[in-house]
Amino acid sequence: MAEETTERIHVELVTPDKLVLREEVLAVSLPGREGYLGILPGHAPLLTELKPGQLSYTQGSLTHYLFVSGGFAEVQPHRVTVLVEASERPEEIDVERAKRAQQRAEERLRKAGGGEAEIDALRAQAALQRAMGRVEVAQRARQEQV
């Protein structure tokens, strides 16, 4: 009964292709450029860049997880709008493929030097962040189910 009177945040997660999520939630956690941001009802307005990682949201006693690529989030006291290039639910993530991508990116980073290789290093770092984010989301969701 107490949950009915609890303040909520309206969350929308959008990619160029589709509306991924539209929910009323108790709290949201976003992968900000400088670290994770916890958003509760009444949060101060904020516009932030997002890095690839885990977006989580709480509904009742359940926490849900999604992978998001880099993008942006606009936070208002009772609304969060997240715009990203891509998003995946845990069940959509191929963990073995993500782990292989992570290994390839780590190998490319070890081989990186200066000049043109520096651009490859930046691409490898971005690929590494995406792969690590996918693995994290898939593993976290599996732990929650146990």
Protein backbone atom coordinates (compact mmCIF):
# COMPACT_ATOMS: atom_id res chain seq x y z
CA MET A 1 0.00 0.00 0.00
CA ALA A 2 2.83 2.41 0.83
CA GLU A 3 4.26 1.92 -2.66
CA GLU A 4 1.17 3.54 -4.20
CA THR A 5 1.99 6.86 -2.53
CA THR A 6 5.70 6.72 -3.37
CA GLU A 7 6.88 9.34 -5.84
CA ARG A 8 7.89 8.05 -9.25
CA ILE A 9 10.11 9.11 -12.10
CA HIS A 10 8.95 8.76 -15.70
CA VAL A 11 11.81 7.21 -17.72
CA GLU A 12 12.08 7.04 -21.49
CA LEU A 13 14.99 5.34 -23.26
CA VAL A 14 15.17 6.00 -26.99
CA THR A 15 17.50 4.84 -29.78
CA PRO A 16 17.39 6.10 -33.37
CA ASP A 17 15.35 2.98 -34.23
CA LYS A 18 12.84 2.67 -31.42
CA LEU A 19 11.47 3.52 -28.02
CA VAL A 20 13.15 0.92 -25.80
CA LEU A 21 11.66 1.83 -22.44
CA ARG A 22 8.80 3.95 -21.11
CA GLU A 23 8.13 3.27 -17.44
CA GLU A 24 7.27 4.85 -14.11
CA VAL A 25 10.08 3.90 -11.70
CA LEU A 26 11.32 4.56 -8.18
CA ALA A 27 14.97 5.22 -9.13
CA VAL A 28 17.34 5.20 -12.10
CA SER A 29 21.11 4.70 -12.34
CA LEU A 30 22.92 6.03 -15.42
CA PRO A 31 26.52 5.52 -16.66
CA GLY A 32 27.65 9.17 -16.70
CA ARG A 33 30.90 10.18 -18.38
CA GLU A 34 32.55 10.72 -14.95
CA GLY A 35 30.82 7.86 -13.11
CA TYR A 36 27.41 6.45 -12.33
CA LEU A 37 24.57 8.82 -11.46
CA GLY A 38 21.74 7.86 -9.13
CA ILE A 39 18.47 9.62 -9.93
CA LEU A 40 15.56 9.78 -7.48
CA PRO A 41 12.27 11.69 -7.72
CA GLY A 42 12.83 15.42 -7.28
CA HIS A 43 16.37 15.37 -8.71
CA ALA A 44 17.75 18.72 -9.83
CA PRO A 45 17.63 19.35 -13.60
CA LEU A 46 20.69 17.99 -15.36
CA LEU A 47 21.94 17.32 -18.88
CA THR A 48 24.74 14.78 -19.02
CA GLU A 49 26.78 12.76 -21.47
CA LEU A 50 26.64 9.00 -21.03
CA LYS A 51 29.35 6.44 -21.62
CA PRO A 52 28.67 2.84 -22.60
CA GLY A 53 27.54 0.85 -19.59
CA GLN A 54 24.71 -0.31 -17.42
CA LEU A 55 21.47 1.57 -16.99
CA SER A 56 19.36 0.22 -14.14
CA TYR A 57 15.95 1.15 -12.82
CA THR A 58 13.93 0.05 -9.83
CA GLN A 59 10.25 -0.84 -9.85
CA GLY A 60 8.93 -2.03 -6.50
CA SER A 61 11.46 -4.51 -5.15
CA LEU A 62 12.85 -5.40 -8.60
CA THR A 63 15.83 -3.84 -10.32
CA HIS A 64 16.05 -4.12 -14.11
CA TYR A 65 19.25 -3.74 -16.16
CA LEU A 66 19.95 -2.61 -19.72
CA PHE A 67 23.14 -2.01 -21.67
CA VAL A 68 23.34 1.44 -23.25
CA SER A 69 25.93 2.76 -25.65
CA GLY A 70 27.12 6.31 -25.25
CA GLY A 71 24.60 9.08 -25.55
CA PHE A 72 22.91 11.74 -23.46
CA ALA A 73 20.40 12.00 -20.63
CA GLU A 74 18.17 14.86 -19.63
CA VAL A 75 17.04 14.74 -16.02
CA GLN A 76 14.08 16.74 -14.69
CA PRO A 77 12.60 16.38 -11.19
CA HIS A 78 10.12 13.69 -12.29
CA ARG A 79 11.32 12.73 -15.77
CA VAL A 80 14.47 11.19 -17.27
CA THR A 81 14.95 11.05 -21.03
CA VAL A 82 17.83 8.92 -22.29
CA LEU A 83 19.00 9.14 -25.91
CA VAL A 84 21.55 6.52 -27.00
CA GLU A 85 22.81 4.95 -30.22
CA ALA A 86 22.01 1.42 -29.03
CA SER A 87 20.50 -0.44 -26.10
CA GLU A 88 20.19 -4.12 -25.26
CA ARG A 89 18.28 -6.06 -22.64
CA PRO A 90 20.25 -8.79 -20.82
CA GLU A 91 18.51 -11.59 -22.73
CA GLU A 92 19.56 -9.98 -26.04
CA ILE A 93 23.26 -9.98 -25.14
CA ASP A 94 25.49 -12.74 -26.50
CA VAL A 95 27.94 -12.91 -23.58
CA GLU A 96 30.50 -15.09 -25.35
CA ARG A 97 30.57 -12.72 -28.32
CA ALA A 98 30.96 -9.74 -25.97
CA LYS A 99 33.84 -11.47 -24.16
CA ARG A 100 35.57 -12.15 -27.49
CA ALA A 101 35.10 -8.49 -28.47
CA GLN A 102 36.58 -7.48 -25.11
CA GLN A 103 39.64 -9.70 -25.69
CA ARG A 104 40.15 -8.30 -29.21
CA ALA A 105 39.92 -4.72 -27.93
CA GLU A 106 42.38 -5.43 -25.10
CA GLU A 107 44.81 -6.96 -27.61
CA ARG A 108 44.53 -3.95 -29.93
CA LEU A 109 45.18 -1.63 -26.98
CA ARG A 110 48.33 -3.56 -26.04
CA LYS A 111 49.63 -3.16 -29.60
CA ALA A 112 48.71 0.53 -29.95
CA GLY A 113 51.46 3.09 -30.41
CA GLY A 114 51.48 6.65 -31.74
CA GLY A 115 50.27 8.23 -34.99
CA GLU A 116 47.61 6.32 -36.86
CA ALA A 117 47.74 3.63 -34.21
CA GLU A 118 46.49 6.24 -31.73
CA ILE A 119 43.19 6.42 -33.63
CA ASP A 120 43.02 2.62 -33.50
CA ALA A 121 43.64 2.83 -29.74
CA LEU A 122 40.70 5.21 -29.32
CA ARG A 123 38.47 2.87 -31.31
CA ALA A 124 39.70 -0.10 -29.30
CA GLN A 125 39.01 1.74 -26.03
CA ALA A 126 35.45 2.49 -27.16
CA ALA A 127 34.96 -1.15 -28.22
CA LEU A 128 36.34 -2.30 -24.88
CA GLN A 129 33.89 -0.10 -22.95
CA ARG A 130 30.96 -1.43 -24.99
CA ALA A 131 32.01 -5.06 -24.54
CA MET A 132 32.61 -4.66 -20.81
CA GLY A 133 29.23 -2.95 -20.41
CA ARG A 134 27.43 -5.78 -22.20
CA VAL A 135 29.14 -8.43 -20.08
CA GLU A 136 28.38 -6.50 -16.89
CA VAL A 137 24.68 -6.17 -17.70
CA ALA A 138 24.28 -9.82 -18.68
CA GLN A 139 26.10 -11.08 -15.59
CA ARG A 140 24.26 -8.74 -13.22
CA ALA A 141 20.89 -9.81 -14.57
CA ARG A 142 21.83 -13.48 -14.19
CA GLN A 143 22.92 -12.91 -10.57
CA GLU A 144 19.59 -11.21 -9.81
CA GLN A 145 17.66 -14.22 -11.17
CA VAL A 146 19.45 -16.70 -8.88
